[in-house]
Protein backbone atom coordinates (compact mmCIF):
# COMPACT_ATOMS: atom_id res chain seq x y z
CA MET A 1 -29.85 8.13 21.58
CA SER A 2 -30.71 4.45 21.53
CA GLN A 3 -29.79 2.21 18.65
CA PRO A 4 -32.43 0.19 16.81
CA HIS A 5 -32.71 -3.50 17.68
CA ILE A 6 -31.75 -5.65 14.71
CA ILE A 7 -31.95 -9.41 14.35
CA THR A 8 -29.68 -10.75 11.63
CA PRO A 9 -27.94 -14.03 10.89
CA TYR A 10 -24.69 -12.17 10.06
CA LEU A 11 -23.06 -9.07 11.47
CA ILE A 12 -20.08 -7.65 9.63
CA GLY A 13 -17.99 -4.95 11.27
CA ALA A 14 -15.45 -3.88 8.69
CA ASP A 15 -14.22 -0.66 10.22
CA ARG A 16 -10.96 -2.02 11.66
CA ALA A 17 -9.76 -2.64 15.21
CA PHE A 18 -11.86 0.11 16.77
CA SER A 19 -15.10 -1.00 15.15
CA ARG A 20 -18.33 0.26 16.68
CA LEU A 21 -19.67 -3.27 16.30
CA ARG A 22 -16.79 -4.99 18.06
CA PRO A 23 -18.11 -4.34 21.62
CA LEU A 24 -21.17 -6.40 20.66
CA ILE A 25 -18.86 -9.38 20.15
CA HIS A 26 -16.24 -8.94 22.93
CA SER A 27 -14.90 -6.29 25.31
CA THR A 28 -11.19 -6.83 24.58
CA LEU A 29 -9.33 -3.75 23.36
CA PRO A 30 -6.68 -3.99 20.64
CA SER A 31 -3.01 -3.58 21.49
CA TYR A 32 -0.34 -1.75 19.55
CA SER A 33 1.48 -4.16 17.23
CA GLY A 34 4.88 -2.47 17.40
CA VAL A 35 4.54 -1.27 13.80
CA SER A 36 3.60 2.15 12.48
CA MET A 37 3.04 2.81 8.80
CA TYR A 38 3.02 5.82 6.56
CA GLU A 39 0.58 5.78 3.67
CA LEU A 40 1.58 7.71 0.56
CA ALA A 41 0.36 7.84 -3.03
CA ILE A 42 1.98 8.27 -6.43
CA SER A 43 -0.31 9.89 -8.97
CA PRO A 44 -0.32 8.35 -12.46
CA ASN A 45 1.50 11.47 -13.73
CA ASN A 46 4.44 10.88 -11.35
CA LEU A 47 4.73 7.13 -11.89
CA THR A 48 7.60 6.72 -14.34
CA PRO A 49 7.60 3.75 -16.72
CA GLY A 50 10.56 2.32 -14.79
CA LEU A 51 8.79 2.48 -11.43
CA LYS A 52 5.57 1.16 -12.96
CA ALA A 53 7.47 -1.83 -14.36
CA TYR A 54 9.21 -2.35 -10.99
CA VAL A 55 5.92 -2.46 -9.06
CA GLY A 56 4.15 -4.43 -11.77
CA GLN A 57 0.37 -4.76 -12.00
CA GLY A 58 -0.17 -5.76 -8.37
CA SER A 59 2.04 -5.23 -5.34
CA LEU A 60 5.71 -5.32 -4.45
CA LEU A 61 6.84 -6.13 -0.91
CA ALA A 62 10.33 -5.14 0.28
CA LEU A 63 11.26 -6.19 3.85
CA ASP A 64 14.37 -5.90 5.98
CA GLU A 65 15.15 -5.60 9.71
CA GLY A 66 11.72 -4.45 10.89
CA MET A 67 11.07 -2.13 7.96
CA THR A 68 8.71 -2.45 5.01
CA VAL A 69 8.02 -0.70 1.72
CA LEU A 70 4.89 -1.91 -0.03
CA PRO A 71 3.78 -0.17 -3.24
CA GLN A 72 0.43 -1.32 -4.60
CA MET A 73 -1.14 -0.47 -7.94
CA ASN A 74 -4.74 0.72 -7.69
CA CYS A 75 -7.37 1.57 -10.27
CA GLY A 76 -6.79 4.51 -12.57
CA GLY A 77 -3.00 4.15 -12.42
CA LEU A 78 -2.74 5.38 -8.81
CA CYS A 79 0.00 3.66 -6.82
CA LYS A 80 -0.47 3.52 -3.02
CA VAL A 81 2.76 3.20 -1.07
CA TYR A 82 2.98 1.95 2.51
CA THR A 83 6.19 2.25 4.51
CA GLY A 84 6.35 0.44 7.83
CA LEU A 85 8.73 0.77 10.76
CA ASN A 86 9.04 -1.23 13.98
CA CYS A 87 8.83 1.48 16.63
CA PRO A 88 7.36 2.18 20.08
CA GLU A 89 3.72 3.25 20.25
CA ASN A 90 4.48 6.91 21.01
CA TRP A 91 7.30 7.22 18.48
CA THR A 92 5.12 8.78 15.76
CA ASP A 93 4.10 11.51 18.25
CA GLU A 94 7.66 12.05 19.48
CA SER A 95 9.11 12.01 15.94
CA PRO A 96 6.38 13.57 13.79
CA LEU A 97 6.65 14.01 10.05
CA PRO A 98 8.23 17.35 9.18
CA ASP A 99 6.06 20.03 7.58
CA GLU A 100 8.31 19.96 4.52
CA GLY A 101 10.52 17.19 3.21
CA LYS A 102 8.29 14.29 4.27
CA ARG A 103 9.52 12.06 1.43
CA GLU A 104 13.17 12.75 2.20
CA TRP A 105 12.55 12.14 5.92
CA LEU A 106 10.96 8.75 5.20
CA THR A 107 13.52 7.80 2.56
CA ASN A 108 16.34 8.34 5.08
CA PHE A 109 15.07 5.34 7.07
CA PHE A 110 15.72 3.19 4.00
CA HIS A 111 19.34 4.27 3.44
CA GLY A 112 21.21 1.41 1.78
CA TRP A 113 18.07 -0.10 0.24
CA HIS A 114 17.74 -0.65 -3.50
CA LYS A 115 17.53 2.67 -5.37
CA GLN A 116 14.15 1.83 -6.96
CA VAL A 117 12.61 1.21 -3.52
CA ARG A 118 13.76 4.65 -2.37
CA ASP A 119 12.65 6.18 -5.70
CA ILE A 120 9.13 4.88 -5.04
CA ILE A 121 8.98 6.88 -1.81
CA MET A 122 10.46 9.97 -3.49
CA ALA A 123 7.89 9.82 -6.33
CA SER A 124 5.04 9.98 -3.79
CA GLU A 125 2.99 13.09 -3.21
CA GLU A 126 4.28 15.22 -0.36
CA ASP A 127 0.93 16.60 0.81
CA ASN A 128 -1.09 13.48 1.59
CA VAL A 129 1.06 11.34 3.89
CA VAL A 130 -1.04 9.53 6.50
CA THR A 131 0.51 8.10 9.68
CA ARG A 132 -1.07 4.85 10.91
CA ARG A 133 -0.30 2.91 14.06
CA ILE A 134 -1.11 -0.75 13.46
CA TRP A 135 -3.32 -2.33 16.13
CA GLN A 136 -3.97 -6.01 16.70
CA PHE A 137 -5.93 -8.56 18.66
CA ASP A 138 -4.66 -11.84 20.04
CA PRO A 139 -5.19 -14.31 17.16
CA ASP A 140 -6.81 -16.77 19.60
CA LEU A 141 -9.45 -14.24 20.69
CA LYS A 142 -12.96 -15.62 20.33
CA GLY A 143 -16.10 -13.53 20.27
CA LYS A 144 -19.30 -14.51 22.02
CA ARG A 145 -21.82 -16.52 20.07
CA THR A 146 -25.51 -15.86 20.44
């Protein structure tokens, strides 16, 4: 099936590193960044006043030795939580999330961290954890101009 021919002054491809529009700009493929993240969510019902005050109205970023916990308040009182780990590209396949106890499994990586940071992970919903490998392009990469 052929695609329609479009002439436009601007072309925005906002569907991440593997954009369907990206090959129109360059043929370089993204590389694995060395970071994988787990996306979780805390429903408004599970967000205690203490955790809500800890995160605040925006985002909180906790970093240490190649690990990240980033809770972010969203509309409707939903709190997205992103945990990041420096790990090899295949690590998430070789060490998959368990069927049960996902929060505990993730929290164990943050042993010794502040209790409220670990509590944020434990308050997250168990059923909707998404694993994401983070891909990147060389920051000096230039696309073709037409």
